[in-house]
Amino acid sequence: MKNVALGCLLSALVVLVAAPASAQLALPSPSPSAKVAQDVGVTSISIDYSSPGVKGRKVWGDLVPWDKPWRTGANAATKITFSHDVTFGGKAVPAGTYSIVTLPSQKGWKVMLNKELGLFSTPAQYSAANDVATVAATTAAIPSRERLTYVFSNTTDDSTSLDLEWEKLRVSVPIKTDTATFAKANIEKTAQQSASEHAQAARYVADSTKDYVAALKLADASVAINSNWYNQWIRADILARDGKFAEARKAAQIAWDLGEKDPNFFYKNQVSKALADWKNK
């Protein structure tokens, strides 16, 4: 029997030794990682954090001390990311990623966004000098919530509320974004890109197929979207190739006038030469 038992023990040891060194034991985390995201108009906001539980403990003033900076989650620092500039609690904050630090107090909470993303892990420590915003938060009593959770509420096209909920407390900060301005910029950017694509297509058709009627339609479409020196020059070049020099010179003059205001007028010499060459044609 002793030999049998010894053999079983040796077999078990062989299995343990043979197991891959990289194997991970999957167990529940005491403070599982979590992520929440919200689009506000065209601005994306996301939060990465670890979610501790109450577990029968006294949270406020004990597990989380009053009047001391808190990383506002468990494990690594809680991080918030904005895809566009926002106002956070009334303070302007550039697009980017920040650590969320809070100062819990019975007199009123403060919430800070900090540029140091490695807070509360060696060697990084919280420094108010790295805050990009320090704002007052509102608090409210809520039904009991076991795990710390971040929630976006009251979201519109221009605003949302960032709410931290844990135990029987909600801490809230309003976030606003200038959606109209960002949307306008996106429209203008798309128009410029579309105009450029039409102009490039016009040049390609003129070069490859010599179908100047089709090429001119593409150039005209580019000008209609966003008139600039480049598409006016493409249009002028196509007209000239088709023997329409009077119209070509008018387009080249527009290209010249627009190009003189652009430091990247890289066809300046070609346009100048064309204006001279086409003058008497």
Protein backbone atom coordinates (compact mmCIF):
# COMPACT_ATOMS: atom_id res chain seq x y z
CA MET A 1 0.00 0.00 0.00
CA LYS A 2 2.87 2.34 0.83
CA ASN A 3 4.34 1.76 -2.61
CA VAL A 4 0.97 2.54 -4.24
CA ALA A 5 0.56 5.76 -2.25
CA LEU A 6 4.11 6.79 -3.05
CA GLY A 7 3.48 6.12 -6.73
CA CYS A 8 0.35 8.30 -6.72
CA LEU A 9 2.25 11.14 -5.02
CA LEU A 10 5.06 10.96 -7.55
CA SER A 11 2.55 11.00 -10.43
CA ALA A 12 0.90 14.12 -9.01
CA LEU A 13 4.27 15.84 -8.69
CA VAL A 14 5.09 14.97 -12.29
CA VAL A 15 1.79 16.55 -13.43
CA LEU A 16 2.50 19.74 -11.46
CA VAL A 17 6.06 20.00 -12.77
CA ALA A 18 4.92 19.34 -16.34
CA ALA A 19 2.25 22.06 -16.19
CA PRO A 20 3.13 25.12 -18.36
CA ALA A 21 4.88 27.85 -16.38
CA SER A 22 2.62 30.47 -18.02
CA ALA A 23 -0.63 28.88 -16.84
CA GLN A 24 -2.77 31.32 -14.84
CA LEU A 25 -5.11 30.37 -12.04
CA ALA A 26 -8.42 32.07 -12.84
CA LEU A 27 -10.12 33.31 -9.69
CA PRO A 28 -12.56 36.17 -9.04
CA SER A 29 -10.87 39.51 -8.40
CA PRO A 30 -11.68 41.22 -5.09
CA SER A 31 -12.11 44.43 -7.11
CA PRO A 32 -12.94 43.47 -10.71
CA SER A 33 -11.97 45.79 -13.54
CA ALA A 34 -14.74 47.72 -15.25
CA LYS A 35 -15.24 50.20 -18.08
CA VAL A 36 -18.08 52.56 -18.90
CA ALA A 37 -18.38 54.79 -21.97
CA GLN A 38 -20.75 57.47 -23.20
CA ASP A 39 -21.00 59.53 -26.39
CA VAL A 40 -22.08 63.13 -25.84
CA GLY A 41 -22.82 64.54 -29.27
CA VAL A 42 -19.59 63.76 -31.16
CA THR A 43 -17.46 63.52 -28.00
CA SER A 44 -16.62 60.08 -26.57
CA ILE A 45 -16.00 59.78 -22.83
CA SER A 46 -14.79 56.57 -21.19
CA ILE A 47 -13.71 55.50 -17.71
CA ASP A 48 -11.49 52.55 -16.74
CA TYR A 49 -11.52 51.54 -13.10
CA SER A 50 -11.53 48.70 -10.57
CA SER A 51 -14.69 48.19 -8.55
CA PRO A 52 -14.32 47.38 -4.84
CA GLY A 53 -17.21 46.02 -2.76
CA VAL A 54 -18.60 47.17 0.56
CA LYS A 55 -18.34 43.65 2.05
CA GLY A 56 -19.92 44.70 5.29
CA ARG A 57 -17.34 47.39 5.98
CA LYS A 58 -17.84 51.00 6.93
CA VAL A 59 -16.87 52.86 3.76
CA TRP A 60 -17.05 56.62 4.29
CA GLY A 61 -14.74 57.98 6.93
CA ASP A 62 -13.14 54.56 7.50
CA LEU A 63 -12.25 52.45 4.44
CA VAL A 64 -12.18 55.75 2.53
CA PRO A 65 -10.89 58.39 5.00
CA TRP A 66 -12.34 61.87 5.07
CA ASP A 67 -10.24 64.78 3.80
CA LYS A 68 -7.52 62.70 2.14
CA PRO A 69 -6.93 62.31 -1.64
CA TRP A 70 -8.42 59.06 -2.94
CA ARG A 71 -7.79 57.34 -6.26
CA THR A 72 -11.57 56.79 -6.44
CA GLY A 73 -11.50 53.09 -7.17
CA ALA A 74 -9.31 50.11 -6.35
CA ASN A 75 -5.95 48.89 -7.68
CA ALA A 76 -4.52 51.20 -10.37
CA ALA A 77 -5.70 54.79 -10.68
CA THR A 78 -9.12 55.31 -12.23
CA LYS A 79 -8.73 56.92 -15.67
CA ILE A 80 -11.12 59.07 -17.70
CA THR A 81 -10.63 59.82 -21.41
CA PHE A 82 -12.19 62.63 -23.47
CA SER A 83 -12.00 62.54 -27.27
CA HIS A 84 -12.65 66.31 -27.47
CA ASP A 85 -12.20 69.29 -25.16
CA VAL A 86 -14.87 69.49 -22.45
CA THR A 87 -15.84 71.55 -19.46
CA PHE A 88 -15.69 69.42 -16.32
CA GLY A 89 -17.66 70.90 -13.47
CA GLY A 90 -17.36 74.26 -15.23
CA LYS A 91 -13.58 74.01 -15.77
CA ALA A 92 -12.09 73.75 -19.28
CA VAL A 93 -10.28 70.43 -19.81
CA PRO A 94 -8.38 69.54 -23.02
CA ALA A 95 -9.01 66.24 -24.78
CA GLY A 96 -6.91 63.45 -23.30
CA THR A 97 -6.68 60.90 -20.49
CA TYR A 98 -6.52 61.79 -16.81
CA SER A 99 -6.60 60.12 -13.40
CA ILE A 100 -9.67 60.78 -11.30
CA VAL A 101 -8.78 61.81 -7.74
CA THR A 102 -11.34 62.83 -5.16
CA LEU A 103 -11.18 64.54 -1.80
CA PRO A 104 -14.07 63.06 0.21
CA SER A 105 -15.28 65.33 2.98
CA GLN A 106 -18.30 65.69 5.21
CA LYS A 107 -18.17 69.38 4.28
CA GLY A 108 -18.42 68.67 0.55
CA TRP A 109 -16.53 66.63 -2.03
CA LYS A 110 -13.94 67.81 -4.52
CA VAL A 111 -13.05 65.99 -7.74
CA MET A 112 -9.68 66.47 -9.45
CA LEU A 113 -8.46 65.40 -12.89
CA ASN A 114 -4.74 64.73 -12.74
CA LYS A 115 -2.17 64.32 -15.52
CA GLU A 116 -0.26 61.58 -13.66
CA LEU A 117 -1.74 58.26 -14.82
CA GLY A 118 0.32 56.07 -12.49
CA LEU A 119 -1.06 57.41 -9.24
CA PHE A 120 -0.98 55.24 -6.12
CA SER A 121 1.46 52.80 -7.66
CA THR A 122 5.16 53.10 -6.89
CA PRO A 123 6.79 55.54 -7.40
CA ALA A 124 4.04 57.97 -8.51
CA GLN A 125 2.24 59.97 -5.84
CA TYR A 126 -0.57 62.47 -6.08
CA SER A 127 0.48 66.09 -6.57
CA ALA A 128 -2.00 68.93 -6.92
CA ALA A 129 0.50 70.57 -9.29
CA ASN A 130 -0.55 67.99 -11.90
CA ASP A 131 -4.27 68.74 -11.61
CA VAL A 132 -5.89 70.10 -14.77
CA ALA A 133 -9.16 70.72 -12.97
CA THR A 134 -10.37 70.83 -9.36
CA VAL A 135 -14.14 71.13 -8.98
CA ALA A 136 -16.82 70.87 -6.33
CA ALA A 137 -19.15 67.87 -6.65
CA THR A 138 -22.72 67.38 -5.52
CA THR A 139 -23.69 64.44 -3.31
CA ALA A 140 -26.96 62.61 -2.76
CA ALA A 141 -28.22 59.61 -0.81
CA ILE A 142 -29.09 56.51 -2.88
CA PRO A 143 -30.30 52.95 -2.25
CA SER A 144 -27.49 50.65 -1.18
CA ARG A 145 -25.03 49.71 -3.92
CA GLU A 146 -22.53 46.95 -3.09
CA ARG A 147 -19.87 47.72 -5.68
CA LEU A 148 -18.38 51.07 -6.60
CA THR A 149 -19.81 52.01 -9.99
CA TYR A 150 -19.43 54.91 -12.42
CA VAL A 151 -22.57 55.95 -14.27
CA PHE A 152 -23.35 58.57 -16.93
CA SER A 153 -26.80 60.11 -16.45
CA ASN A 154 -29.01 62.85 -17.91
CA THR A 155 -27.10 62.72 -21.19
CA THR A 156 -28.01 65.15 -23.99
CA ASP A 157 -26.26 66.17 -27.22
CA ASP A 158 -24.20 68.69 -25.24
CA SER A 159 -23.91 67.41 -21.69
CA THR A 160 -23.92 64.52 -19.25
CA SER A 161 -23.47 63.89 -15.54
CA LEU A 162 -20.65 61.71 -14.28
CA ASP A 163 -21.93 59.89 -11.19
CA LEU A 164 -19.90 57.81 -8.75
CA GLU A 165 -22.17 55.48 -6.77
CA TRP A 166 -21.10 53.32 -3.83
CA GLU A 167 -22.60 52.19 -0.55
CA LYS A 168 -25.44 54.71 -0.08
CA LEU A 169 -23.82 57.75 -1.71
CA ARG A 170 -23.83 59.33 -5.16
CA VAL A 171 -21.17 61.92 -6.12
CA SER A 172 -21.89 63.87 -9.33
CA VAL A 173 -20.02 66.26 -11.65
CA PRO A 174 -21.55 67.83 -14.79
CA ILE A 175 -19.67 67.55 -18.08
CA LYS A 176 -20.40 69.75 -21.08
CA THR A 177 -19.06 69.77 -24.62
CA ASP A 178 -19.42 72.23 -27.53
CA THR A 179 -21.08 69.79 -29.90
CA ALA A 180 -22.19 72.42 -32.43
CA THR A 181 -18.62 73.69 -32.92
CA PHE A 182 -17.15 70.18 -33.21
CA ALA A 183 -19.88 69.08 -35.62
CA LYS A 184 -19.28 72.14 -37.81
CA ALA A 185 -15.54 71.40 -37.87
CA ASN A 186 -16.27 67.79 -38.88
CA ILE A 187 -18.54 68.95 -41.69
CA GLU A 188 -15.90 71.35 -42.99
CA LYS A 189 -13.19 68.69 -42.75
CA THR A 190 -15.33 66.19 -44.63
CA ALA A 191 -16.11 68.77 -47.31
CA GLN A 192 -12.43 69.55 -47.76
CA GLN A 193 -11.60 65.86 -48.01
CA SER A 194 -14.42 65.29 -50.49
CA ALA A 195 -13.31 68.27 -52.57
CA SER A 196 -9.76 66.94 -52.63
CA GLU A 197 -10.93 63.46 -53.67
CA HIS A 198 -13.00 64.88 -56.54
CA ALA A 199 -10.06 67.00 -57.71
CA GLN A 200 -7.70 64.03 -57.64
CA ALA A 201 -10.24 61.95 -59.56
CA ALA A 202 -10.57 64.74 -62.14
CA ARG A 203 -6.82 64.80 -62.71
CA TYR A 204 -6.67 61.00 -62.97
CA VAL A 205 -9.46 60.86 -65.56
CA ALA A 206 -7.84 63.64 -67.59
CA ASP A 207 -4.44 61.92 -67.52
CA SER A 208 -5.56 58.35 -68.06
CA THR A 209 -8.57 58.52 -70.37
CA LYS A 210 -8.29 61.99 -71.95
CA ASP A 211 -12.05 62.25 -71.38
CA TYR A 212 -11.99 65.96 -70.61
CA VAL A 213 -15.77 66.28 -70.38
CA ALA A 214 -15.93 63.67 -67.59
CA ALA A 215 -12.81 65.11 -65.94
CA LEU A 216 -14.29 68.63 -65.96
CA LYS A 217 -17.48 67.38 -64.29
CA LEU A 218 -15.39 65.98 -61.44
CA ALA A 219 -13.41 69.22 -61.17
CA ASP A 220 -16.63 71.27 -61.15
CA ALA A 221 -18.00 69.03 -58.38
CA SER A 222 -14.84 69.62 -56.34
CA VAL A 223 -15.14 73.40 -56.76
CA ALA A 224 -18.83 73.28 -55.79
CA ILE A 225 -17.95 71.52 -52.52
CA ASN A 226 -15.06 73.77 -51.56
CA SER A 227 -13.40 76.15 -53.99
CA ASN A 228 -9.62 76.34 -53.45
CA TRP A 229 -6.55 77.08 -55.50
CA TYR A 230 -5.82 73.38 -56.10
CA ASN A 231 -9.13 72.35 -57.64
CA GLN A 232 -9.35 75.62 -59.59
CA TRP A 233 -5.92 74.83 -61.04
CA ILE A 234 -6.98 71.27 -61.90
CA ARG A 235 -10.04 72.71 -63.61
CA ALA A 236 -7.91 75.24 -65.53
CA ASP A 237 -5.51 72.53 -66.67
CA ILE A 238 -8.34 70.34 -67.96
CA LEU A 239 -9.91 73.24 -69.83
CA ALA A 240 -6.57 74.08 -71.44
CA ARG A 241 -6.04 70.48 -72.52
CA ASP A 242 -9.47 70.65 -74.15
CA GLY A 243 -8.43 73.80 -76.04
CA LYS A 244 -10.68 76.14 -74.03
CA PHE A 245 -7.96 78.64 -73.13
CA ALA A 246 -10.17 81.63 -72.32
CA GLU A 247 -12.05 79.63 -69.68
CA ALA A 248 -8.79 78.00 -68.58
CA ARG A 249 -7.18 81.39 -67.96
CA LYS A 250 -10.14 82.56 -65.86
CA ALA A 251 -9.85 79.42 -63.69
CA ALA A 252 -6.08 79.85 -63.45
CA GLN A 253 -6.54 83.45 -62.30
CA ILE A 254 -8.89 82.27 -59.54
CA ALA A 255 -6.32 79.64 -58.59
CA TRP A 256 -3.63 82.35 -58.47
CA ASP A 257 -5.70 84.69 -56.31
CA LEU A 258 -6.54 81.91 -53.83
CA GLY A 259 -3.04 80.49 -53.87
CA GLU A 260 -1.44 83.82 -52.98
CA LYS A 261 -3.15 83.51 -49.57
CA ASP A 262 -1.91 79.97 -48.99
CA PRO A 263 1.67 79.31 -47.78
CA ASN A 264 1.42 75.85 -49.39
CA PHE A 265 0.83 77.14 -52.91
CA PHE A 266 3.17 74.51 -54.35
CA TYR A 267 1.97 74.94 -57.97
CA LYS A 268 2.70 78.66 -57.96
CA ASN A 269 5.27 78.53 -60.77
CA GLN A 270 3.04 76.38 -62.98
CA VAL A 271 0.04 78.67 -62.52
CA SER A 272 2.14 81.78 -63.20
CA LYS A 273 3.54 80.26 -66.39
CA ALA A 274 0.08 79.16 -67.55
CA LEU A 275 -1.35 82.67 -67.09
CA ALA A 276 1.41 84.02 -69.29
CA ASP A 277 1.24 81.23 -71.91
CA TRP A 278 -2.54 81.24 -72.24
CA LYS A 279 -2.89 85.03 -72.50
CA ASN A 280 -2.90 85.19 -76.26
CA LYS A 281 -4.46 81.80 -77.05
